[in-house]
């Protein structure tokens, strides 16, 4: 069973709202060291935090991080970005850039650190998804997160033989800089990360961090019109 106590953790996108919570709550749960990875790492007021440069879209950066952080037990693929506007209006180049960060980045990081995790006993990977993995109202962001969801399922199967737990974290709108312009009700990041770590230590493979994620996941078995009422037959 994976535990945060005495673990060495790597968090991508550590400077953001969820990233900061991943770092601070890992320490609160007894982590011995946390690599706070970001494109532009910042300083932290804790000797247990090791700032490390990691650009999830740069293969050389990923390989360098895996080499320098060879004591990692838990990898958290948190780095991500979003874009505005309709998928059909978005230049293909922008969509590719989004996929580089939200899909290919987590895959590349996991691939680079898989041997590290195996050498250290198996450990775990957490991939941060979204309720928009399951519903297409997020345009290109939904596309990228849906792809990441399936990648997580594949990685979970492929890493099982080396004893690596792969957990997918799904959440709705959460109060971070990424959602600054959203006026809807938002989750507290502290609650989301608490649930993620509780699930990790309980051996879970998926954590649904809020009611909207639970409801949308449950609706996947229903007819498409249940998720998209605008397509329901008129009476």
Foldseek 3Di string as FASTA:
>chain_A
DDFLAQFEEEEEPLVWDLNVLLVVVSVVRHHQAYAREYCDWDDDPDPRYHDAYADLLDLVRLLVCCVVPLRHQEYELDWAAADDDALVPDPVVVLVVRLSNLPVSVVSNCVNCLVSNLVNQAHEYEYEAELLLQPPPRHSNVVNRVNNVVVLVVVCVVSVVSPYAYAYEYEYAAPIPNCVVPPDDHHDSNQSSVQVNVCVVVRHRYGHRDDSSVVSVVCNVPPPCVRVVVPPDDD
